[in-house]
Amino acid sequence: MTNQPRRFGKLSAVVDGASRQIASTRLADLRRIILQAREIAQEMATLGGLLARGTAEANQPFLFTPNLSVNESQLRKVFTDCQDVVFRRFTLAGRAARLIYIDGLCDKDLLERGVLQPLLSQINLDFGSGLLETLARYLTVPDLDAPANAGKAIQAILMGSALIMVDGIDEVVTVDVAKYVKRAIEQPKSEGGNVRGPQDAFNETIKDGVALLRRRLANANLKVHYSSIGYLTKTTVAVVYISNLVKPGLVETVEQRLASIQTDAVFFSATVGEFLANRNWSPFPQIFATERPETVAMGLCEGRVGILVDNTPFAIIVPCTFTSMLQTSDDYTLQPIIASLIRITRHISAIMAIFLMPLYIAMISFHPGTLPVSLAISIAELRAKTPFPTLIEVLFMEGLLEIFQESIVRLPIRLAGAASMLGAFVIGNTVVQAGLINPLLVVATASTAIASYTMPSPNLSQAMRWLRIPAIFAAAVLGLYGIALAWLLMVVHACSLRSFGESFLGNLFNVSLWQDWKDNVVRMPAVLQKTRPKVYGAKKEDRSGIDNA
């Protein structure tokens, strides 16, 4: 019998496991393995890129990678429980992309018109030149930036910028679309109003403050340096100065002191001022705070440095001198002889605010013989009707005055004026009729309060109020000798103060600075003020402007 070859209808009959079902299963497994291999290859490429770039710095939360999902996950961890942070998904030229911003800090209209619409209309994009260069060709917003690290990107989001991330690109781009509620530029509130001078003041937005200075000083030599202070608040601080006028080394000193500030939060410019001051326990202010842009601009023209702090309407000027705090911009809108009279009045008022009440104690308790006989007899008759010693009377009125001044500050503006007049009349009349206080003391107290109100600087006015207390006790112990001793100690202390290397009373007692008296206690006509104050050490003393452009 001849052997015939066997014929098989199916491969599975010869080869085990060659059925269609098994082949389909194994092909599916192969596809899954290939996909997993691709994912592993992508992760390996990402890891290789990270190894090539290095690790994140110690102060950085993470590094951006080409993997969009990883970047988004890292940012979501940073903004955990921040429900106002928006992660918007969109597709950019076939690639997955994300737009991250904080709701309420961004201009949504600008974000839609200037960012999303131009990007969504692009079908093919070449990212070979980098994400920043690519987006800059199509976006209409003015400010684009590529943060160097994740920390700067997160800070930009917190400041109102929007962050753009694209899959496959480890570069991110921030778009400045910040918009938030801010107060309009209004008249100064704490320093009174100018009669003929500018009527605008700083608000809480630092960019508006810099713009107000730029309007007054349209010169390329006006420089602005930004930095941030506070681990939590990240408060923006601007150092402004005129480069060809400022004293050499002053800007570097200011920036070094700002950089050395170690604190978690800065909400007020006064906080920055305390870190900048040399002696914080002194009652005299060693930095000049103002809300008037023209005052800062005039200080910059003298060679000084201005410091603007975000979220506060008060700027700082350094160095600071005693006489500069007794001057106002309104002085330069008046006739020189009138302005000089007003300045002399302010200096006399500063002395009255400190020593009028102590002088009352000294004359009544220690030196009544120096008074005219009729006045001494009249005072003796009034003193006979009051049950308390002179010191107790003065301290009682001083306490009432402080309470009265503090309550007026806390009252609404509409009530403060009426309350001040009515309260002063009622309290003064009542204590006199009750026989608690000598009527002459009421006059002295009112004169002291009015004298302190003439101080242009609120900080200086508060210093006068504090210095009055030790002077009162000195007069109560030693009479006129106590007043002389208190005066001597105050002058010595003030002379020992330094504001960024300059004497607090330098141009007042230093005979080598005699030319500064042209614009000091008195104000000479503008045609005679041809030089800048020497006390601030400006590079160029000539005011003619020929060499200052």
Foldseek 3Di string as FASTA:
>chain_A
DDDDDDDDPDPCVVDPQPDPVSVVVVVVVVVVVVVVVVVVVVVVVQVVVDVVVDFDDPPAQGAFTLAPVVVVVSVCVVCPPVVQWDWDWDAFLNWTKTKIAGPQFFDVVCCVVFPVVQRVVDNDWDCPVHPQVRRVVGGPADDKDWDPGRVVVVVLRVNRWMKMHTRRHRIIMTGRRTDHDWDDFAADDPQDHAPPDDGTWFTQAVVVLVVLLCVVPVDPQWDWDWAFDAQAPRWIKIKTARNQWAFPPLVVVLVVLRVPDDHHDDQEVVVVQCSQFPDNPALDRQKAKDGHSVLVNVLRVLRWMKMDIHRYSIIIIPRAAPQSQLDDPSLQVDDQVVSLVLLLLLVVLLVLLACLLLLVLLCLPPNVVVDPPVVSVVQVVLVVLADDRSLVQLVVLLVVVVVLVVVLVPDPPVVSVVCNVVVLVVVLVVCVVVSHHRNVSSVSSVSSVVSLVSRSGPSSSVSSSVNNVQLNVLCNVPRVVSNVVSVVVVVVVQQPGDTSNFRNCCCVPPPVQVLCVCPGSGHPDPVPCQFRRPRSPINGGGPPCPPSD
